N, C-alpha and C. Protein backbone atom coordinates (compact mmCIF):
# COMPACT_ATOMS: atom_id res chain seq x y z
N GLN A 1 231.52 108.19 109.46
CA GLN A 1 231.86 108.61 108.11
C GLN A 1 232.65 109.90 108.18
N ALA A 2 233.76 109.93 107.49
CA ALA A 2 234.62 111.11 107.50
C ALA A 2 234.00 112.22 106.67
N ALA A 3 234.35 113.47 107.01
CA ALA A 3 233.84 114.61 106.25
C ALA A 3 234.24 114.48 104.78
N GLY A 4 233.31 114.71 103.91
CA GLY A 4 233.59 114.65 102.48
C GLY A 4 233.51 113.25 101.89
N GLU A 5 233.26 112.24 102.73
CA GLU A 5 233.19 110.87 102.25
C GLU A 5 231.76 110.56 101.80
N ALA A 6 231.62 110.01 100.61
CA ALA A 6 230.29 109.72 100.06
C ALA A 6 229.69 108.48 100.69
N THR A 7 228.37 108.48 100.83
CA THR A 7 227.67 107.29 101.30
C THR A 7 227.52 106.32 100.13
N GLY A 8 227.07 105.11 100.42
CA GLY A 8 226.84 104.13 99.36
C GLY A 8 225.83 104.65 98.35
N ALA A 9 224.75 105.26 98.84
CA ALA A 9 223.72 105.80 97.95
C ALA A 9 224.28 106.92 97.08
N GLU A 10 225.06 107.81 97.69
CA GLU A 10 225.64 108.91 96.92
C GLU A 10 226.61 108.40 95.86
N SER A 11 227.37 107.40 96.19
CA SER A 11 228.31 106.82 95.23
C SER A 11 227.57 106.20 94.05
N CYS A 12 226.45 105.55 94.33
CA CYS A 12 225.64 104.96 93.25
C CYS A 12 225.05 106.04 92.37
N LEU A 13 224.60 107.12 92.97
CA LEU A 13 224.03 108.21 92.18
C LEU A 13 225.11 108.86 91.30
N LEU A 14 226.30 109.02 91.83
CA LEU A 14 227.41 109.53 91.02
C LEU A 14 227.70 108.58 89.86
N GLY A 15 227.71 107.29 90.14
CA GLY A 15 227.92 106.30 89.08
C GLY A 15 226.86 106.40 88.00
N HIS A 16 225.62 106.62 88.42
CA HIS A 16 224.51 106.80 87.47
C HIS A 16 224.78 108.01 86.57
N TYR A 17 225.11 109.14 87.17
CA TYR A 17 225.35 110.35 86.38
C TYR A 17 226.51 110.16 85.40
N LEU A 18 227.57 109.54 85.85
CA LEU A 18 228.72 109.31 84.97
C LEU A 18 228.37 108.36 83.82
N ALA A 19 227.60 107.32 84.12
CA ALA A 19 227.20 106.37 83.08
C ALA A 19 226.26 107.03 82.06
N VAL A 20 225.37 107.91 82.53
CA VAL A 20 224.49 108.64 81.61
C VAL A 20 225.33 109.52 80.68
N GLN A 21 226.32 110.20 81.24
CA GLN A 21 227.19 111.03 80.40
C GLN A 21 227.91 110.19 79.36
N ALA A 22 228.41 109.04 79.76
CA ALA A 22 229.09 108.15 78.82
C ALA A 22 228.13 107.67 77.73
N ALA A 23 226.90 107.31 78.13
CA ALA A 23 225.90 106.87 77.16
C ALA A 23 225.58 107.99 76.17
N ASN A 24 225.46 109.20 76.68
CA ASN A 24 225.17 110.34 75.81
C ASN A 24 226.31 110.62 74.83
N LYS A 25 227.51 110.16 75.15
CA LYS A 25 228.65 110.35 74.26
C LYS A 25 228.85 109.16 73.32
N GLY A 26 227.88 108.22 73.34
CA GLY A 26 227.93 107.13 72.39
C GLY A 26 228.42 105.80 72.92
N HIS A 27 228.71 105.70 74.20
CA HIS A 27 229.14 104.43 74.79
C HIS A 27 227.89 103.63 75.15
N GLU A 28 227.44 102.82 74.20
CA GLU A 28 226.16 102.13 74.34
C GLU A 28 226.06 101.25 75.57
N LYS A 29 227.13 100.57 75.94
CA LYS A 29 227.07 99.66 77.10
C LYS A 29 226.85 100.41 78.41
N SER A 30 227.01 101.71 78.38
CA SER A 30 226.81 102.51 79.59
C SER A 30 225.35 102.68 79.94
N ARG A 31 224.44 102.44 78.99
CA ARG A 31 223.02 102.61 79.29
C ARG A 31 222.57 101.65 80.39
N PHE A 32 222.92 100.37 80.27
CA PHE A 32 222.54 99.42 81.32
C PHE A 32 223.19 99.80 82.64
N LEU A 33 224.45 100.19 82.59
CA LEU A 33 225.16 100.58 83.81
C LEU A 33 224.46 101.77 84.48
N ALA A 34 223.99 102.73 83.68
CA ALA A 34 223.26 103.88 84.24
C ALA A 34 221.99 103.42 84.95
N ALA A 35 221.25 102.51 84.32
CA ALA A 35 220.02 101.99 84.93
C ALA A 35 220.32 101.23 86.21
N ALA A 36 221.33 100.36 86.17
CA ALA A 36 221.68 99.56 87.34
C ALA A 36 222.18 100.43 88.49
N ALA A 37 222.96 101.44 88.19
CA ALA A 37 223.45 102.33 89.24
C ALA A 37 222.31 103.12 89.88
N TYR A 38 221.34 103.53 89.05
CA TYR A 38 220.19 104.26 89.60
C TYR A 38 219.34 103.34 90.47
N ASP A 39 219.12 102.11 89.99
CA ASP A 39 218.39 101.14 90.82
C ASP A 39 219.10 100.90 92.14
N ARG A 40 220.42 100.75 92.10
CA ARG A 40 221.18 100.52 93.33
C ARG A 40 221.04 101.71 94.27
N TYR A 41 221.07 102.92 93.72
CA TYR A 41 220.86 104.13 94.53
C TYR A 41 219.50 104.06 95.24
N LEU A 42 218.45 103.70 94.49
CA LEU A 42 217.12 103.60 95.08
C LEU A 42 217.06 102.54 96.17
N VAL A 43 217.70 101.40 95.93
CA VAL A 43 217.73 100.31 96.92
C VAL A 43 218.43 100.80 98.19
N PHE A 44 219.58 101.45 98.05
CA PHE A 44 220.29 101.99 99.22
C PHE A 44 219.44 103.03 99.95
N SER A 45 218.56 103.70 99.21
CA SER A 45 217.70 104.73 99.80
C SER A 45 216.42 104.14 100.39
N GLY A 46 216.24 102.81 100.27
CA GLY A 46 215.06 102.16 100.82
C GLY A 46 213.80 102.33 99.99
N ARG A 47 213.97 102.64 98.71
CA ARG A 47 212.83 102.83 97.83
C ARG A 47 212.79 101.74 96.76
N PRO A 48 211.63 101.52 96.13
CA PRO A 48 211.57 100.53 95.05
C PRO A 48 212.46 100.96 93.89
N GLN A 49 213.08 99.99 93.25
CA GLN A 49 213.91 100.30 92.10
C GLN A 49 213.05 100.63 90.89
N LYS A 50 213.65 101.29 89.91
CA LYS A 50 212.92 101.73 88.72
C LYS A 50 212.95 100.69 87.62
N TYR A 51 214.09 100.09 87.36
CA TYR A 51 214.26 99.25 86.17
C TYR A 51 214.20 97.75 86.44
N GLY A 52 214.53 97.31 87.63
CA GLY A 52 214.48 95.89 87.94
C GLY A 52 215.81 95.18 87.79
N THR A 53 216.90 95.88 88.02
CA THR A 53 218.23 95.28 87.84
C THR A 53 218.82 94.69 89.13
N GLN A 54 218.19 94.97 90.27
CA GLN A 54 218.76 94.57 91.55
C GLN A 54 218.00 93.38 92.15
N TYR A 55 218.76 92.43 92.64
CA TYR A 55 218.22 91.20 93.23
C TYR A 55 218.64 91.11 94.69
N VAL A 56 217.87 90.37 95.46
CA VAL A 56 218.21 90.12 96.86
C VAL A 56 218.06 88.63 97.13
N ALA A 57 218.78 88.15 98.11
CA ALA A 57 218.70 86.74 98.50
C ALA A 57 218.06 86.65 99.88
N ASP A 58 217.21 85.62 100.06
CA ASP A 58 216.62 85.41 101.38
C ASP A 58 217.61 84.61 102.23
N SER A 59 217.20 84.22 103.42
CA SER A 59 218.10 83.52 104.35
C SER A 59 218.56 82.17 103.81
N LEU A 60 217.84 81.61 102.85
CA LEU A 60 218.24 80.33 102.24
C LEU A 60 219.03 80.51 100.96
N GLY A 61 219.25 81.76 100.59
CA GLY A 61 220.00 82.05 99.37
C GLY A 61 219.16 82.08 98.11
N VAL A 62 217.84 82.04 98.27
CA VAL A 62 216.94 82.10 97.11
C VAL A 62 216.85 83.56 96.65
N MET A 63 217.15 83.77 95.37
CA MET A 63 217.17 85.12 94.81
C MET A 63 215.78 85.56 94.39
N SER A 64 215.52 86.84 94.54
CA SER A 64 214.30 87.45 94.02
C SER A 64 214.62 88.88 93.60
N VAL A 65 213.77 89.44 92.76
CA VAL A 65 213.95 90.81 92.32
C VAL A 65 213.53 91.74 93.45
N TYR A 66 214.39 92.71 93.77
CA TYR A 66 214.05 93.73 94.76
C TYR A 66 212.80 94.45 94.26
N PRO A 67 211.90 94.92 95.14
CA PRO A 67 210.67 95.58 94.68
C PRO A 67 210.91 96.64 93.61
N VAL A 68 210.01 96.62 92.61
CA VAL A 68 210.15 97.49 91.44
C VAL A 68 208.98 98.46 91.38
N ASP A 69 209.26 99.70 91.04
CA ASP A 69 208.24 100.72 90.84
C ASP A 69 207.39 100.32 89.63
N SER A 70 206.12 100.10 89.85
CA SER A 70 205.24 99.60 88.79
C SER A 70 204.92 100.66 87.74
N THR A 71 205.28 101.90 87.97
CA THR A 71 204.97 102.94 86.98
C THR A 71 206.02 103.02 85.86
N THR A 72 207.12 102.30 86.00
CA THR A 72 208.14 102.30 84.94
C THR A 72 207.70 101.34 83.84
N SER A 73 207.69 101.83 82.61
CA SER A 73 207.23 101.02 81.49
C SER A 73 208.37 100.16 80.93
N ASP A 74 207.98 99.10 80.25
CA ASP A 74 208.98 98.26 79.59
C ASP A 74 209.71 99.03 78.50
N SER A 75 209.05 99.98 77.86
CA SER A 75 209.74 100.77 76.85
C SER A 75 210.85 101.62 77.48
N GLU A 76 210.63 102.11 78.71
CA GLU A 76 211.70 102.81 79.44
C GLU A 76 212.85 101.86 79.74
N ARG A 77 212.51 100.65 80.17
CA ARG A 77 213.55 99.66 80.47
C ARG A 77 214.39 99.36 79.23
N VAL A 78 213.71 99.10 78.12
CA VAL A 78 214.41 98.75 76.88
C VAL A 78 215.30 99.91 76.42
N ALA A 79 214.84 101.16 76.62
CA ALA A 79 215.64 102.32 76.24
C ALA A 79 216.97 102.37 76.98
N TRP A 80 217.02 101.75 78.16
CA TRP A 80 218.25 101.71 78.96
C TRP A 80 218.89 100.32 78.92
N ASP A 81 218.53 99.52 77.92
CA ASP A 81 219.10 98.19 77.71
C ASP A 81 218.80 97.21 78.84
N VAL A 82 217.64 97.37 79.46
CA VAL A 82 217.17 96.44 80.49
C VAL A 82 216.00 95.67 79.87
N ARG A 83 215.98 94.38 80.10
CA ARG A 83 214.90 93.56 79.55
C ARG A 83 213.56 93.92 80.18
N PRO A 84 212.46 93.63 79.48
CA PRO A 84 211.13 93.87 80.06
C PRO A 84 210.98 93.13 81.39
N LEU A 85 210.16 93.69 82.27
CA LEU A 85 210.02 93.16 83.63
C LEU A 85 209.55 91.71 83.64
N ASP A 86 208.63 91.34 82.78
CA ASP A 86 208.15 89.95 82.79
C ASP A 86 209.27 88.97 82.44
N GLN A 87 210.21 89.38 81.58
CA GLN A 87 211.36 88.52 81.27
C GLN A 87 212.30 88.42 82.47
N LEU A 88 212.53 89.52 83.15
CA LEU A 88 213.38 89.49 84.34
C LEU A 88 212.81 88.56 85.40
N LEU A 89 211.49 88.67 85.62
CA LEU A 89 210.85 87.84 86.63
C LEU A 89 210.85 86.37 86.22
N LYS A 90 210.66 86.10 84.95
CA LYS A 90 210.67 84.72 84.46
C LYS A 90 212.06 84.11 84.64
N ASP A 91 213.11 84.88 84.35
CA ASP A 91 214.48 84.39 84.51
C ASP A 91 214.78 84.05 85.96
N ILE A 92 214.34 84.89 86.89
CA ILE A 92 214.60 84.62 88.30
C ILE A 92 213.81 83.40 88.76
N ASP A 93 212.59 83.21 88.24
CA ASP A 93 211.80 82.01 88.59
C ASP A 93 212.47 80.76 88.07
N LEU A 94 213.08 80.83 86.89
CA LEU A 94 213.79 79.68 86.34
C LEU A 94 215.00 79.32 87.22
N ARG A 95 215.69 80.34 87.73
CA ARG A 95 216.84 80.08 88.59
C ARG A 95 216.41 79.43 89.91
N LYS A 96 215.24 79.81 90.41
CA LYS A 96 214.75 79.24 91.67
C LYS A 96 214.52 77.73 91.52
N GLY A 97 214.15 77.29 90.32
CA GLY A 97 213.86 75.87 90.09
C GLY A 97 215.11 75.03 89.92
N GLN A 98 216.28 75.65 89.85
CA GLN A 98 217.51 74.87 89.62
C GLN A 98 218.05 74.29 90.91
């Protein structure tokens, strides 16, 4: 990595901060982007995601939700335009059956 070049995790964190700023200025669609960028940052850092926006595929291509921090409430998710966790998990289970 060249000097001054951001890592994947750092780039995601920057994206999160920029999306939060946009959301604070009234760009409503930026709320989900802020949550997704923060989750991606956590995934790159090897930690459980906060909101549940990131998915992974196994060797057969079956998708599942990357581990989620259980202390994040559904009201926090909804505040950032992310569906409640049980809905996210139900949607991924429906896709597995297709």
